[in-house]
Protein backbone atom coordinates (compact mmCIF):
# COMPACT_ATOMS: atom_id res chain seq x y z
CA MET A 1 -11.66 40.69 5.57
CA THR A 2 -12.03 40.90 9.23
CA GLY A 3 -9.68 38.50 10.76
CA PRO A 4 -10.34 36.32 13.96
CA GLY A 5 -9.59 38.37 16.95
CA ALA A 6 -8.93 41.49 14.69
CA SER A 7 -9.84 45.06 15.49
CA THR A 8 -12.79 46.87 14.07
CA PRO A 9 -12.67 47.25 10.50
CA GLY A 10 -11.00 50.68 9.49
CA ALA A 11 -9.36 50.83 12.72
CA ASP A 12 -5.61 52.37 12.55
CA THR A 13 -4.36 49.54 15.03
CA PRO A 14 -3.06 46.25 13.61
CA PRO A 15 -4.97 43.11 14.21
CA ALA A 16 -4.57 41.44 17.49
CA PHE A 17 -3.41 37.75 17.15
CA HIS A 18 -3.94 36.42 20.62
CA ASP A 19 -7.06 34.47 19.66
CA PRO A 20 -6.64 33.64 16.01
CA VAL A 21 -9.48 31.26 15.05
CA GLU A 22 -12.61 32.58 16.92
CA PRO A 23 -15.56 32.96 14.57
CA PRO A 24 -15.63 36.40 12.77
CA PRO A 25 -17.52 39.07 14.23
CA ASP A 26 -19.91 39.13 11.32
CA GLY A 27 -20.91 35.48 11.80
CA VAL A 28 -19.36 34.56 8.46
CA PRO A 29 -18.14 30.77 8.75
CA TRP A 30 -14.44 29.88 8.69
CA THR A 31 -14.04 28.18 5.36
CA VAL A 32 -10.88 26.39 4.50
CA LEU A 33 -9.59 29.25 2.21
CA ARG A 34 -10.55 31.75 4.63
CA LEU A 35 -8.68 30.06 7.46
CA LEU A 36 -5.67 29.27 5.24
CA ARG A 37 -5.20 32.90 4.26
CA TRP A 38 -5.64 34.40 7.71
CA SER A 39 -3.52 31.81 9.38
CA THR A 40 -0.75 32.55 6.77
CA ARG A 41 -0.70 36.22 7.45
CA TYR A 42 -0.85 35.40 11.35
CA LEU A 43 2.26 33.05 11.24
CA ALA A 44 4.13 35.84 8.86
CA GLU A 45 3.48 38.37 11.76
CA LYS A 46 5.37 35.89 13.81
CA GLY A 47 8.36 35.55 11.61
CA VAL A 48 7.57 32.07 10.52
CA ALA A 49 8.97 31.46 6.82
CA ASP A 50 6.78 29.56 4.49
CA GLY A 51 3.85 29.95 6.68
CA ARG A 52 1.52 28.93 3.92
CA LEU A 53 3.00 25.46 3.48
CA ASP A 54 2.97 25.12 7.36
CA VAL A 55 -0.53 26.10 7.67
CA GLU A 56 -1.61 23.61 4.83
CA HIS A 57 0.15 20.82 6.90
CA LEU A 58 -1.56 21.84 10.13
CA LEU A 59 -4.99 22.01 8.61
CA ALA A 60 -4.62 18.89 6.46
CA HIS A 61 -3.72 17.06 9.70
CA THR A 62 -6.64 18.56 11.68
CA LEU A 63 -9.14 17.67 9.02
CA ALA A 64 -7.72 14.25 8.35
CA MET A 65 -7.20 15.02 4.65
CA SER A 66 -4.25 15.55 2.14
CA ARG A 67 -3.03 18.99 1.23
CA LEU A 68 -4.51 18.31 -2.12
CA ASP A 69 -7.85 17.94 -0.51
CA LEU A 70 -7.62 21.27 0.89
CA TYR A 71 -7.45 22.90 -2.60
CA LEU A 72 -10.60 20.80 -3.74
CA HIS A 73 -12.58 21.93 -0.54
CA PHE A 74 -11.71 25.61 -0.37
CA GLU A 75 -15.21 26.51 0.35
CA ARG A 76 -15.91 23.98 3.09
CA PRO A 77 -16.87 25.56 6.28
CA LEU A 78 -14.99 24.12 9.51
CA THR A 79 -16.88 23.13 12.48
CA ALA A 80 -16.23 24.53 15.87
CA GLU A 81 -14.81 21.23 17.06
CA GLU A 82 -12.49 21.53 13.96
CA LEU A 83 -11.63 25.03 14.60
CA GLY A 84 -10.81 24.22 18.38
CA ALA A 85 -8.37 21.38 17.30
CA PHE A 86 -6.68 23.51 14.90
CA LYS A 87 -6.12 26.64 17.13
CA PRO A 88 -3.69 25.23 19.50
CA LEU A 89 -1.56 23.75 16.75
CA LEU A 90 -1.30 27.15 14.99
CA LEU A 91 -0.34 28.72 18.22
CA GLU A 92 2.41 26.12 18.82
CA ARG A 93 3.72 27.00 15.28
CA ALA A 94 3.49 30.73 16.04
CA GLY A 95 5.70 30.08 19.02
CA ARG A 96 8.20 28.70 16.62
CA ARG A 97 7.91 25.16 17.56
CA PRO A 98 8.95 23.13 14.44
CA LEU A 99 6.16 21.84 12.31
CA GLN A 100 7.33 18.27 12.49
CA TYR A 101 7.29 18.30 16.38
CA ILE A 102 3.81 19.58 16.21
CA LEU A 103 2.54 16.85 13.69
CA GLY A 104 5.04 14.25 15.51
CA SER A 105 6.43 13.04 12.24
CA ALA A 106 9.01 13.82 9.59
CA ALA A 107 9.47 12.53 6.05
CA PHE A 108 12.87 10.94 5.20
CA ARG A 109 13.27 9.60 1.64
CA ASP A 110 10.57 7.01 1.30
CA LEU A 111 9.85 6.83 5.10
CA GLU A 112 7.74 8.54 7.65
CA LEU A 113 9.41 8.59 10.88
CA ALA A 114 8.16 9.61 14.46
CA VAL A 115 10.10 12.59 16.00
CA ASP A 116 9.99 14.80 18.86
CA GLU A 117 12.39 17.01 21.00
CA ARG A 118 14.49 13.98 21.75
CA VAL A 119 15.97 13.81 18.31
CA LEU A 120 16.90 16.02 15.49
CA ILE A 121 14.49 16.63 12.60
CA PRO A 122 15.82 14.75 9.53
CA ARG A 123 17.39 17.11 6.89
CA PRO A 124 17.53 16.88 3.25
CA GLU A 125 21.37 16.90 3.38
CA THR A 126 21.18 13.70 5.41
CA GLU A 127 18.97 12.28 2.62
CA GLU A 128 21.84 13.18 0.21
CA LEU A 129 24.42 11.19 2.42
CA VAL A 130 22.09 8.20 2.28
CA GLU A 131 22.17 8.58 -1.42
CA ALA A 132 25.83 8.77 -1.69
CA VAL A 133 26.12 5.76 0.35
CA LEU A 134 23.83 3.89 -1.69
CA ALA A 135 25.48 4.83 -4.98
CA ARG A 136 28.71 3.48 -3.63
CA VAL A 137 27.50 0.24 -2.41
CA ARG A 138 25.58 -0.43 -5.47
CA GLU A 139 28.83 -0.19 -7.62
CA TRP A 140 30.12 -2.97 -5.34
CA GLY A 141 27.39 -5.49 -6.50
CA ARG A 142 27.38 -7.26 -3.48
CA GLU A 143 24.39 -8.08 -1.05
CA GLY A 144 24.42 -8.89 2.70
CA LEU A 145 26.36 -5.82 3.70
CA THR A 146 26.74 -4.38 7.30
CA ALA A 147 26.79 -0.67 8.31
CA LEU A 148 27.19 1.20 11.42
CA ASP A 149 25.37 4.49 11.85
CA VAL A 150 26.92 6.54 14.45
CA GLY A 151 24.63 9.10 16.20
CA THR A 152 21.71 7.62 14.79
CA GLY A 153 19.02 10.18 16.38
CA SER A 154 15.46 9.12 15.02
CA GLY A 155 17.21 6.18 13.10
CA ALA A 156 16.93 7.79 9.86
CA ILE A 157 20.14 6.70 8.20
CA ALA A 158 20.07 3.25 9.38
CA LEU A 159 16.49 2.62 8.47
CA ALA A 160 16.81 4.24 5.00
CA LEU A 161 19.94 2.16 4.24
CA LEU A 162 18.16 -0.92 5.19
CA THR A 163 15.03 -0.26 3.35
CA GLU A 164 16.72 0.74 0.17
CA GLY A 165 20.20 -0.92 0.22
CA PRO A 166 21.77 -4.22 -0.07
CA PHE A 167 22.20 -4.58 3.66
CA GLN A 168 21.66 -7.37 5.95
CA ARG A 169 22.50 -5.86 9.48
CA ILE A 170 22.97 -2.22 10.62
CA LEU A 171 24.00 -1.33 14.09
CA ALA A 172 22.80 2.19 15.27
CA VAL A 173 24.40 3.88 18.03
CA ASP A 174 23.74 6.95 19.98
CA ARG A 175 24.95 8.45 23.40
CA SER A 176 21.34 9.55 24.02
CA GLY A 177 19.10 6.93 25.48
CA ASP A 178 16.10 9.13 24.83
CA ALA A 179 16.96 9.29 21.10
CA LEU A 180 17.32 5.55 20.90
CA GLU A 181 13.87 5.11 22.27
CA VAL A 182 12.60 7.09 19.25
CA ALA A 183 14.85 5.24 16.86
CA ARG A 184 13.78 1.82 18.27
CA SER A 185 10.12 2.87 17.94
CA ASN A 186 10.57 3.82 14.38
CA ALA A 187 12.20 0.45 13.72
CA ARG A 188 9.35 -1.44 15.22
CA GLU A 189 6.86 0.65 13.52
CA LEU A 190 8.60 -0.33 10.07
CA GLY A 191 9.34 -3.81 10.92
CA LEU A 192 12.93 -3.36 10.55
CA GLU A 193 13.97 -4.63 14.06
CA VAL A 194 16.54 -7.47 13.82
CA GLN A 195 14.83 -10.62 12.81
CA ALA A 196 15.56 -14.39 13.45
CA SER A 197 17.26 -14.30 10.17
CA GLY A 198 19.76 -11.60 11.54
CA ARG A 199 18.42 -9.05 9.04
CA GLY A 200 17.52 -5.59 10.63
CA VAL A 201 18.80 -2.69 12.67
CA GLU A 202 20.26 -3.17 16.24
CA PHE A 203 20.54 -0.32 18.42
CA ARG A 204 23.18 0.23 21.33
CA GLU A 205 23.69 3.24 23.64
CA GLY A 206 27.28 4.77 23.62
CA HIS A 207 29.38 7.55 22.57
CA LEU A 208 30.83 7.29 18.92
CA LEU A 209 32.61 3.83 18.50
CA ASP A 210 32.55 2.86 22.24
CA PRO A 211 29.38 0.53 21.70
CA VAL A 212 31.17 -1.47 18.86
CA LYS A 213 32.18 -4.88 20.31
CA PRO A 214 35.83 -6.25 19.80
CA GLY A 215 36.31 -7.71 16.33
CA GLU A 216 33.15 -6.19 14.93
CA ARG A 217 33.71 -4.81 11.51
CA PHE A 218 31.37 -3.02 8.90
CA ASP A 219 31.30 -2.38 5.22
CA VAL A 220 30.01 1.16 5.69
CA VAL A 221 30.32 3.61 8.54
CA ALA A 222 28.02 6.54 8.23
CA ALA A 223 27.45 9.57 10.40
CA ASN A 224 25.67 12.88 10.74
CA LEU A 225 27.30 13.84 13.85
CA PRO A 226 27.03 17.16 15.80
CA TYR A 227 29.20 19.70 13.91
CA VAL A 228 27.66 23.28 14.83
CA SER A 229 29.92 25.68 16.90
CA GLU A 230 28.71 27.47 20.05
CA PRO A 231 28.56 30.74 18.06
CA GLU A 232 26.78 29.11 15.15
CA HIS A 233 24.22 27.72 17.48
CA GLU A 234 23.46 31.14 19.09
CA ALA A 235 22.69 32.39 15.40
CA LEU A 236 20.49 29.50 14.34
CA GLU A 237 16.49 30.15 13.84
CA PRO A 238 14.41 29.77 16.74
CA GLU A 239 13.03 26.50 15.58
CA VAL A 240 16.36 24.89 16.07
CA ARG A 241 18.01 26.95 18.67
CA ARG A 242 15.04 26.63 21.31
CA TRP A 243 13.45 23.30 20.28
CA GLU A 244 15.94 20.65 18.82
CA PRO A 245 18.40 18.93 21.28
CA ARG A 246 21.49 21.08 21.72
CA GLU A 247 23.63 17.90 22.26
CA ALA A 248 23.01 16.72 18.83
CA LEU A 249 23.96 19.78 17.31
CA VAL A 250 26.91 21.32 19.01
CA ALA A 251 30.35 20.03 19.19
CA PRO A 252 33.65 21.42 20.74
CA GLU A 253 36.58 22.82 18.75
CA GLU A 254 34.50 24.77 16.42
CA GLY A 255 32.26 21.90 15.68
CA MET A 256 35.13 19.59 14.48
CA ALA A 257 35.86 17.54 17.63
CA LEU A 258 33.49 14.52 17.13
CA LEU A 259 34.26 14.44 13.32
CA ARG A 260 38.02 14.18 14.15
CA ARG A 261 37.60 11.32 16.54
CA LEU A 262 35.45 9.37 14.12
CA VAL A 263 37.87 9.88 11.25
CA GLU A 264 40.79 8.65 13.41
CA GLY A 265 38.80 5.77 14.84
CA ALA A 266 36.97 4.69 11.73
CA PRO A 267 39.60 2.29 10.36
CA THR A 268 39.53 0.04 13.38
CA VAL A 269 35.82 -0.78 12.53
CA LEU A 270 35.96 -0.72 8.74
CA VAL A 271 36.60 -3.95 6.64
CA PRO A 272 39.33 -3.23 4.17
CA GLY A 273 37.67 -1.39 1.22
CA GLY A 274 35.07 -0.31 3.54
CA LEU A 275 33.39 3.16 3.14
CA LEU A 276 33.48 6.01 5.78
CA ALA A 277 30.47 8.63 4.77
CA LEU A 278 30.16 11.85 6.69
CA GLU A 279 27.65 14.70 6.64
CA VAL A 280 29.67 17.90 7.80
CA GLY A 281 28.72 21.52 8.25
CA ALA A 282 29.01 24.20 5.54
CA GLY A 283 32.65 25.25 5.30
CA GLN A 284 33.92 22.11 7.12
CA ALA A 285 34.45 19.68 4.12
CA ARG A 286 38.04 20.49 3.34
CA GLU A 287 39.18 20.37 6.95
CA VAL A 288 37.58 16.84 7.34
CA ALA A 289 39.29 15.93 4.07
CA ARG A 290 42.63 17.02 5.56
CA MET A 291 41.82 14.82 8.59
CA VAL A 292 41.35 11.85 6.26
CA ASP A 293 44.66 12.64 4.46
CA ARG A 294 46.41 12.60 7.89
CA THR A 295 44.86 9.09 8.51
CA PRO A 296 47.18 6.59 6.93
CA GLU A 297 44.53 3.72 6.87
CA LEU A 298 42.12 5.80 4.77
CA GLY A 299 42.39 6.57 0.86
CA ALA A 300 42.14 9.93 -0.70
CA PRO A 301 38.87 11.62 0.26
CA VAL A 302 35.99 12.68 -1.91
CA ILE A 303 34.02 15.76 -1.30
CA LEU A 304 30.49 15.94 -2.51
CA ARG A 305 28.14 18.84 -2.89
CA ASP A 306 24.55 19.09 -1.57
CA LEU A 307 21.65 20.46 -3.86
CA SER A 308 22.61 23.96 -2.87
CA ARG A 309 25.93 23.43 -4.31
CA ARG A 310 27.78 23.50 -0.88
CA ASP A 311 30.52 20.96 0.10
CA ARG A 312 28.51 18.75 2.60
CA ILE A 313 29.69 15.04 2.24
CA VAL A 314 32.94 13.46 2.86
CA LEU A 315 33.62 9.99 1.63
CA ALA A 316 36.74 7.95 2.08
CA THR A 317 37.70 4.19 1.83
CA ARG A 318 39.71 2.09 4.06
CA GLU A 319 42.78 0.84 2.14
CA GLU A 320 42.64 -2.68 1.08
CA ALA A 321 46.17 -3.46 2.22
CA TRP A 322 45.86 -2.14 5.91
CA ASP A 323 45.47 -4.84 8.56
C-alpha cells in the first residue's frame, strides 16, 4: 500500500511522514481501515507505544463515533473535511503530546474529566488509591463523612470520592491556581460543587495543609503528591517530561519532601480514627511507612500493592486516644 506522503512504490527510501493524510497518489479513497493502519505505522515510526489504540481514539473523536463503530465501518471513506480535521490531531500525537491533552479529557473511574497541560493526567494507580479509601470507609458504616484531598490537580480524587462514597463534604486544595481552575470546572460540569445542603467539593488554593482553617478536622486525608526525583524526571517518557506540569511531579529530597511534611502534619487535621491515604512512587512505600512509624499520633501503616504488584499505597489511622 502506498502511504500518504510516501515515496514511489518500490523505492529504497523510507516513506516520508511529513504529510500523513493527503489522498493517496492513485486516488484510492482513505477508508477507516486504511487510515487506521497507516496512522498506526506512522506513530510507531515516531516512537509512540500503543499507537493503534491512540489512532482509534483520535479517529473516533474526529468522526464523532465510538471505537466500536470504527470496526463496524472499516470500509467507510473519509471526506476531505474529516481528513483535514484528523491530520493535526495525528501530528500532535506524533509530537508526543499526550492523547488526553489532545482530546481534552481523561477517564477516571466512572468520571470523564477535562484535562489540559495545567494538570496531571489521572493515572490507574490513583484510581486504586480511591478504591482503597472507599473500601476502608465502607467498613465504618457511617454516612456524612468529610475528606481532604491534598494536591487535587484535576479534582479526580475529590470528585470520585464524593460520587462513590458516603461523603458529605470534601475540601480539595492545590498550590496551583491554574490547576484549581480545571478542578472547579470539572466539579461544575458534574454538578458536584458545594450545594445549599453543604454537600459537595470546596476548593482552596494553598500548599499542603496551609488552606485548612483552624479547627477543621476530616475523616479522611488523601493525597497524590509530587514524588518524582530530579533524575527520575529526566528519564521519563516525553509525554510526561515535556508536557505534564513539572511542579505536580517533582519533589525535593529524592521525591520524599512533600510526603514527609504531609505525614507529619496529617494528625493535626484528622479526627480520631481518621484515615491517611497516600499514593507513593515505586520503591518509596517502605520509607513512607517508616515516616508513619515515627509519627506517634499515627497507628501502624498498611502498604497496598497496585495491579502491577508494586507497593504504591500507604494507609495509616490517627490513634483514637490522641488529642
